[in-house]
Amino acid sequence: MKWLKQHYEAWLIALARKILIDRNVARSAVVSRRDNNDMWAMAERLKQIESRIKTAYKHI
């Protein structure tokens, strides 16, 4: 059960990361360059968190 919960939570984080990455646009009237860069950085951090959750924090 614990494994399933870990992978479900990791999947939710992966979904959030995908949403942030898909918002990455070169030029946009609604998203500033700074916000775009911030979303990209958040997505990278979420990827790291996702991998730690999947491995149950064994590789810290």
N, C-alpha and C. Protein backbone atom coordinates (compact mmCIF):
# COMPACT_ATOMS: atom_id res chain seq x y z
N MET A 1 0.83 -1.20 0.00
CA MET A 1 0.00 0.00 0.00
C MET A 1 0.87 1.25 0.00
N LYS A 2 1.97 1.21 0.75
CA LYS A 2 2.85 2.37 0.82
C LYS A 2 3.45 2.68 -0.55
N TRP A 3 3.84 1.62 -1.28
CA TRP A 3 4.41 1.80 -2.62
C TRP A 3 3.42 2.49 -3.54
N LEU A 4 2.15 2.06 -3.49
CA LEU A 4 1.11 2.65 -4.32
C LEU A 4 0.91 4.12 -3.99
N LYS A 5 0.90 4.46 -2.72
CA LYS A 5 0.73 5.86 -2.31
C LYS A 5 1.90 6.70 -2.79
N GLN A 6 3.12 6.17 -2.66
CA GLN A 6 4.29 6.92 -3.11
C GLN A 6 4.21 7.20 -4.61
N HIS A 7 3.84 6.19 -5.38
CA HIS A 7 3.80 6.38 -6.83
C HIS A 7 2.62 7.26 -7.26
N TYR A 8 1.53 7.21 -6.53
CA TYR A 8 0.40 8.09 -6.82
C TYR A 8 0.79 9.55 -6.56
N GLU A 9 1.43 9.80 -5.43
CA GLU A 9 1.88 11.16 -5.12
C GLU A 9 2.92 11.63 -6.14
N ALA A 10 3.82 10.75 -6.52
CA ALA A 10 4.81 11.09 -7.53
C ALA A 10 4.14 11.41 -8.86
N TRP A 11 3.08 10.67 -9.20
CA TRP A 11 2.34 10.92 -10.44
C TRP A 11 1.68 12.30 -10.40
N LEU A 12 1.12 12.67 -9.26
CA LEU A 12 0.50 13.99 -9.14
C LEU A 12 1.53 15.10 -9.31
N ILE A 13 2.70 14.90 -8.75
CA ILE A 13 3.77 15.88 -8.91
C ILE A 13 4.21 15.94 -10.36
N ALA A 14 4.29 14.79 -11.02
CA ALA A 14 4.65 14.76 -12.44
C ALA A 14 3.62 15.50 -13.28
N LEU A 15 2.36 15.38 -12.92
CA LEU A 15 1.30 16.10 -13.63
C LEU A 15 1.48 17.62 -13.47
N ALA A 16 1.75 18.05 -12.25
CA ALA A 16 1.97 19.48 -12.00
C ALA A 16 3.19 19.97 -12.78
N ARG A 17 4.24 19.15 -12.82
CA ARG A 17 5.46 19.50 -13.55
C ARG A 17 5.15 19.64 -15.04
N LYS A 18 4.35 18.72 -15.58
CA LYS A 18 3.99 18.78 -17.00
C LYS A 18 3.20 20.04 -17.31
N ILE A 19 2.30 20.40 -16.43
CA ILE A 19 1.52 21.64 -16.64
C ILE A 19 2.46 22.83 -16.68
N LEU A 20 3.41 22.89 -15.76
CA LEU A 20 4.34 24.02 -15.73
C LEU A 20 5.24 24.04 -16.97
N ILE A 21 5.73 22.90 -17.39
CA ILE A 21 6.60 22.84 -18.57
C ILE A 21 5.81 23.23 -19.82
N ASP A 22 4.57 22.77 -19.92
CA ASP A 22 3.76 23.09 -21.10
C ASP A 22 3.41 24.57 -21.18
N ARG A 23 3.49 25.27 -20.05
CA ARG A 23 3.24 26.72 -20.05
C ARG A 23 4.46 27.48 -20.54
N ASN A 24 5.58 26.80 -20.71
CA ASN A 24 6.81 27.44 -21.15
C ASN A 24 6.65 27.88 -22.60
N VAL A 25 6.65 29.18 -22.80
CA VAL A 25 6.48 29.74 -24.14
C VAL A 25 7.55 30.80 -24.37
N ALA A 26 7.97 30.92 -25.61
CA ALA A 26 9.01 31.90 -25.93
C ALA A 26 8.49 33.34 -25.78
N ARG A 27 7.37 33.60 -26.34
CA ARG A 27 6.75 34.93 -26.23
C ARG A 27 5.27 34.75 -25.92
N SER A 28 4.78 35.46 -24.95
CA SER A 28 3.39 35.36 -24.59
C SER A 28 2.89 36.70 -24.07
N ALA A 29 1.68 37.01 -24.43
CA ALA A 29 1.08 38.26 -23.96
C ALA A 29 0.60 38.17 -22.53
N VAL A 30 0.42 36.94 -22.02
CA VAL A 30 -0.13 36.78 -20.68
C VAL A 30 0.88 36.28 -19.64
N VAL A 31 2.01 35.74 -20.08
CA VAL A 31 3.01 35.25 -19.14
C VAL A 31 4.31 36.02 -19.36
N SER A 32 4.78 36.65 -18.30
CA SER A 32 6.02 37.41 -18.42
C SER A 32 7.21 36.46 -18.52
N ARG A 33 8.31 36.97 -19.01
CA ARG A 33 9.52 36.15 -19.14
C ARG A 33 9.98 35.67 -17.76
N ARG A 34 9.88 36.55 -16.77
CA ARG A 34 10.30 36.17 -15.41
C ARG A 34 9.43 35.04 -14.88
N ASP A 35 8.10 35.16 -15.04
CA ASP A 35 7.21 34.09 -14.58
C ASP A 35 7.47 32.80 -15.35
N ASN A 36 7.74 32.93 -16.63
CA ASN A 36 8.04 31.76 -17.45
C ASN A 36 9.30 31.06 -16.92
N ASN A 37 10.33 31.82 -16.62
CA ASN A 37 11.56 31.24 -16.07
C ASN A 37 11.32 30.62 -14.70
N ASP A 38 10.50 31.28 -13.88
CA ASP A 38 10.18 30.74 -12.56
C ASP A 38 9.43 29.41 -12.67
N MET A 39 8.50 29.33 -13.61
CA MET A 39 7.75 28.08 -13.79
C MET A 39 8.67 26.96 -14.24
N TRP A 40 9.63 27.28 -15.10
CA TRP A 40 10.58 26.27 -15.56
C TRP A 40 11.42 25.77 -14.38
N ALA A 41 11.88 26.70 -13.54
CA ALA A 41 12.68 26.31 -12.37
C ALA A 41 11.86 25.48 -11.40
N MET A 42 10.59 25.83 -11.21
CA MET A 42 9.72 25.05 -10.34
C MET A 42 9.54 23.63 -10.88
N ALA A 43 9.39 23.52 -12.17
CA ALA A 43 9.22 22.21 -12.79
C ALA A 43 10.47 21.35 -12.57
N GLU A 44 11.64 21.95 -12.66
CA GLU A 44 12.87 21.20 -12.41
C GLU A 44 12.95 20.72 -10.97
N ARG A 45 12.55 21.59 -10.04
CA ARG A 45 12.57 21.20 -8.62
C ARG A 45 11.55 20.10 -8.34
N LEU A 46 10.37 20.19 -9.00
CA LEU A 46 9.36 19.15 -8.83
C LEU A 46 9.86 17.81 -9.33
N LYS A 47 10.64 17.81 -10.40
CA LYS A 47 11.19 16.56 -10.92
C LYS A 47 12.10 15.90 -9.88
N GLN A 48 12.89 16.70 -9.19
CA GLN A 48 13.77 16.17 -8.15
C GLN A 48 12.95 15.61 -6.98
N ILE A 49 11.92 16.32 -6.59
CA ILE A 49 11.05 15.85 -5.50
C ILE A 49 10.36 14.55 -5.90
N GLU A 50 9.88 14.50 -7.14
CA GLU A 50 9.22 13.30 -7.64
C GLU A 50 10.13 12.08 -7.55
N SER A 51 11.38 12.24 -7.95
CA SER A 51 12.30 11.10 -7.92
C SER A 51 12.60 10.68 -6.48
N ARG A 52 12.69 11.63 -5.55
CA ARG A 52 12.93 11.28 -4.15
C ARG A 52 11.74 10.53 -3.56
N ILE A 53 10.53 10.94 -3.92
CA ILE A 53 9.34 10.25 -3.42
C ILE A 53 9.29 8.83 -3.96
N LYS A 54 9.57 8.66 -5.24
CA LYS A 54 9.53 7.33 -5.85
C LYS A 54 10.53 6.37 -5.19
N THR A 55 11.67 6.89 -4.79
CA THR A 55 12.69 6.02 -4.18
C THR A 55 12.60 6.02 -2.66
N ALA A 56 11.53 6.58 -2.12
CA ALA A 56 11.31 6.62 -0.67
C ALA A 56 12.47 7.27 0.05
N TYR A 57 13.07 8.27 -0.54
CA TYR A 57 14.15 9.07 0.05
C TYR A 57 15.36 8.22 0.42
N LYS A 58 15.62 7.18 -0.34
CA LYS A 58 16.77 6.30 -0.06
C LYS A 58 18.07 6.83 -0.61
N HIS A 59 18.02 7.77 -1.54
CA HIS A 59 19.23 8.27 -2.20
C HIS A 59 19.58 9.69 -1.79
N ILE A 60 19.30 10.03 -0.56
CA ILE A 60 19.61 11.39 -0.10
C ILE A 60 20.99 11.40 0.52
